[in-house]
N, C-alpha and C. Protein backbone atom coordinates (compact mmCIF):
# COMPACT_ATOMS: atom_id res chain seq x y z
N MET A 1 154.98 100.81 119.72
CA MET A 1 155.10 100.63 118.47
C MET A 1 156.92 100.48 119.09
N ARG A 2 157.57 101.30 119.56
CA ARG A 2 158.79 101.76 120.43
C ARG A 2 159.16 100.97 120.44
N GLY A 3 158.52 99.97 121.73
CA GLY A 3 158.64 98.48 121.75
C GLY A 3 159.76 97.76 121.25
N HIS A 4 159.20 97.53 119.65
CA HIS A 4 159.48 96.65 118.85
C HIS A 4 161.03 97.23 118.13
N VAL A 5 160.95 98.52 118.14
CA VAL A 5 162.04 99.07 117.33
C VAL A 5 162.93 98.85 117.70
N VAL A 6 163.95 99.54 118.99
CA VAL A 6 164.58 98.68 120.00
C VAL A 6 164.99 97.15 119.36
N PRO A 7 164.66 96.81 119.94
CA PRO A 7 165.36 94.96 119.21
C PRO A 7 165.24 94.67 117.55
N ALA A 8 165.04 95.65 117.56
CA ALA A 8 164.95 95.15 115.78
C ALA A 8 166.44 96.11 115.48
N VAL A 9 166.18 97.39 115.73
CA VAL A 9 167.82 98.25 116.17
C VAL A 9 169.04 97.33 116.03
N VAL A 10 168.90 96.30 117.15
CA VAL A 10 169.83 96.02 118.27
C VAL A 10 170.68 94.47 117.43
N LEU A 11 168.79 94.15 117.24
CA LEU A 11 169.93 92.20 116.56
C LEU A 11 170.21 93.09 114.69
N GLY A 12 169.30 93.77 114.03
CA GLY A 12 168.95 94.35 112.86
C GLY A 12 171.04 94.73 112.27
N VAL A 13 171.70 95.25 113.00
CA VAL A 13 173.08 95.71 113.16
C VAL A 13 174.32 94.87 113.10
N PRO A 14 173.86 93.98 113.45
CA PRO A 14 175.19 92.60 113.26
C PRO A 14 174.70 91.81 111.67
N LEU A 15 173.47 91.59 112.13
CA LEU A 15 172.83 91.24 110.78
C LEU A 15 173.28 91.77 110.00
N VAL A 16 172.94 93.24 109.53
CA VAL A 16 173.25 93.93 108.15
C VAL A 16 175.15 94.19 108.02
N ALA A 17 175.51 93.89 109.05
CA ALA A 17 177.77 94.21 109.12
C ALA A 17 177.79 92.26 108.41
N MET A 18 177.72 91.52 109.16
CA MET A 18 177.98 90.22 108.58
C MET A 18 176.76 89.64 107.13
N LEU A 19 176.22 90.71 106.39
CA LEU A 19 175.52 90.35 105.04
C LEU A 19 176.58 91.45 104.34
N ALA A 20 176.87 92.22 104.65
CA ALA A 20 177.42 93.02 103.89
C ALA A 20 179.20 93.02 103.50
N THR A 21 179.46 91.79 104.64
CA THR A 21 180.62 91.67 104.58
C THR A 21 181.87 91.81 103.08
N GLN A 22 180.85 90.84 102.12
CA GLN A 22 181.40 91.10 100.93
C GLN A 22 181.86 92.14 99.80
N TRP A 23 181.25 93.67 100.20
CA TRP A 23 180.82 94.35 99.67
C TRP A 23 181.43 95.39 99.31
N LEU A 24 182.16 95.21 101.66
CA LEU A 24 183.11 96.07 101.82
C LEU A 24 184.24 95.94 101.79
N PRO A 25 184.73 96.84 101.42
CA PRO A 25 186.48 96.68 100.82
C PRO A 25 187.29 97.00 101.32
N PHE A 26 187.52 97.23 102.61
CA PHE A 26 188.12 97.07 103.71
C PHE A 26 188.30 95.55 104.84
N VAL A 27 187.34 95.23 104.53
CA VAL A 27 187.02 93.57 104.98
C VAL A 27 187.62 92.66 103.37
N ASN A 28 186.60 92.52 102.43
CA ASN A 28 186.95 91.70 101.36
C ASN A 28 188.07 91.77 100.72
N GLY A 29 189.70 91.78 101.53
CA GLY A 29 190.43 91.93 100.09
C GLY A 29 191.69 91.22 100.66
N PRO A 30 192.93 91.58 100.20
CA PRO A 30 194.07 90.63 100.95
C PRO A 30 194.84 91.09 102.08
N HIS A 31 194.25 91.58 102.84
CA HIS A 31 193.98 92.37 104.46
C HIS A 31 194.46 91.61 105.25
N VAL A 32 195.04 91.55 106.36
CA VAL A 32 195.02 90.68 107.56
C VAL A 32 195.28 91.80 108.92
N TRP A 33 194.25 91.46 109.58
CA TRP A 33 194.65 92.17 110.74
C TRP A 33 194.59 90.53 112.08
N PHE A 34 195.18 91.15 112.81
CA PHE A 34 195.75 90.43 113.66
C PHE A 34 196.49 88.82 113.52
N GLY A 35 196.75 89.12 113.03
CA GLY A 35 197.70 87.63 111.91
C GLY A 35 196.61 86.76 110.78
N LEU A 36 195.53 87.14 110.62
CA LEU A 36 194.23 86.79 110.30
C LEU A 36 193.02 87.58 109.35
N PRO A 37 192.90 86.10 108.42
CA PRO A 37 192.83 87.33 107.36
C PRO A 37 191.06 88.09 107.49
N SER A 38 191.03 89.29 106.97
CA SER A 38 190.56 90.45 107.81
C SER A 38 189.26 89.82 107.56
N MET A 39 188.30 89.11 106.87
CA MET A 39 186.89 88.26 107.05
C MET A 39 186.63 87.65 107.69
N PHE A 40 187.87 87.03 108.34
CA PHE A 40 187.99 85.41 109.47
C PHE A 40 187.81 87.14 110.63
N VAL A 41 188.59 87.46 110.78
CA VAL A 41 188.08 88.55 111.74
C VAL A 41 187.08 89.19 112.23
N TRP A 42 186.32 90.03 111.18
CA TRP A 42 185.73 90.20 111.49
C TRP A 42 183.98 89.56 111.44
N THR A 43 183.46 88.32 110.85
CA THR A 43 182.59 87.47 110.79
C THR A 43 183.65 87.75 112.42
N ALA A 44 183.99 87.06 113.05
CA ALA A 44 184.41 86.45 114.53
C ALA A 44 183.30 87.28 115.07
N VAL A 45 183.86 88.52 115.19
CA VAL A 45 183.66 89.78 115.60
C VAL A 45 182.18 89.66 116.06
N TRP A 46 181.62 89.88 114.56
CA TRP A 46 180.41 90.10 115.03
C TRP A 46 179.05 89.29 115.27
N SER A 47 179.35 87.74 114.67
CA SER A 47 178.99 87.18 115.96
C SER A 47 179.69 86.24 117.76
N THR A 48 180.49 87.24 117.20
CA THR A 48 180.80 87.25 119.11
C THR A 48 179.49 88.43 119.30
N LEU A 49 179.68 89.21 119.22
CA LEU A 49 178.40 90.49 119.14
C LEU A 49 177.11 90.42 119.41
N VAL A 50 176.45 89.78 118.58
CA VAL A 50 175.08 88.24 118.46
C VAL A 50 174.75 88.63 119.72
N THR A 51 175.47 87.31 120.11
CA THR A 51 174.90 86.92 122.22
C THR A 51 174.65 87.86 122.98
N PRO A 52 175.33 88.86 123.48
CA PRO A 52 175.20 90.09 124.41
C PRO A 52 173.72 90.93 123.99
N ALA A 53 173.71 91.10 121.90
CA ALA A 53 172.41 91.59 121.52
C ALA A 53 171.20 90.83 121.92
N LEU A 54 171.54 89.44 121.65
CA LEU A 54 170.86 88.21 122.59
C LEU A 54 169.63 88.77 123.78
N ALA A 55 170.92 88.48 123.73
CA ALA A 55 170.48 89.01 125.70
C ALA A 55 169.55 90.41 126.51
N LEU A 56 170.03 91.53 125.71
CA LEU A 56 169.64 92.42 125.54
C LEU A 56 168.59 92.27 125.50
N VAL A 57 167.89 91.95 124.40
CA VAL A 57 166.46 91.83 123.45
C VAL A 57 166.17 91.50 124.52
N GLU A 58 166.20 89.42 125.00
CA GLU A 58 166.02 88.84 125.94
C GLU A 58 165.17 89.41 127.62
N ARG A 59 166.64 90.27 128.06
CA ARG A 59 165.75 90.74 128.69
C ARG A 59 165.06 92.04 128.65
N ARG A 60 164.98 92.92 127.68
CA ARG A 60 164.28 93.45 127.10
C ARG A 60 162.81 92.67 127.61
N ARG A 61 162.61 91.59 126.30
CA ARG A 61 161.32 91.00 126.98
C ARG A 61 160.76 90.59 127.70
N GLU A 62 161.63 90.28 128.51
CA GLU A 62 161.10 89.69 130.58
C GLU A 62 160.45 90.05 131.42
N ARG A 63 161.16 91.54 131.11
CA ARG A 63 160.85 92.81 131.89
C ARG A 63 159.04 93.47 130.89
N ARG A 64 159.34 93.34 130.27
CA ARG A 64 157.41 93.20 129.95
C ARG A 64 156.53 92.02 130.27
């Protein structure tokens, strides 16, 4: 059972972060981060972090 928990957590964190975007007040507002709307930066960062998360899950799967 433990073997399935780690991939679920690794892939669940970016998923929850992206789905919660609209309810997070520090993201969903008239804020600017790095000269861009905060929601755009938030989504771009979490979208970029999905790739290493998927690579980690794939490596763990190949070891078995």
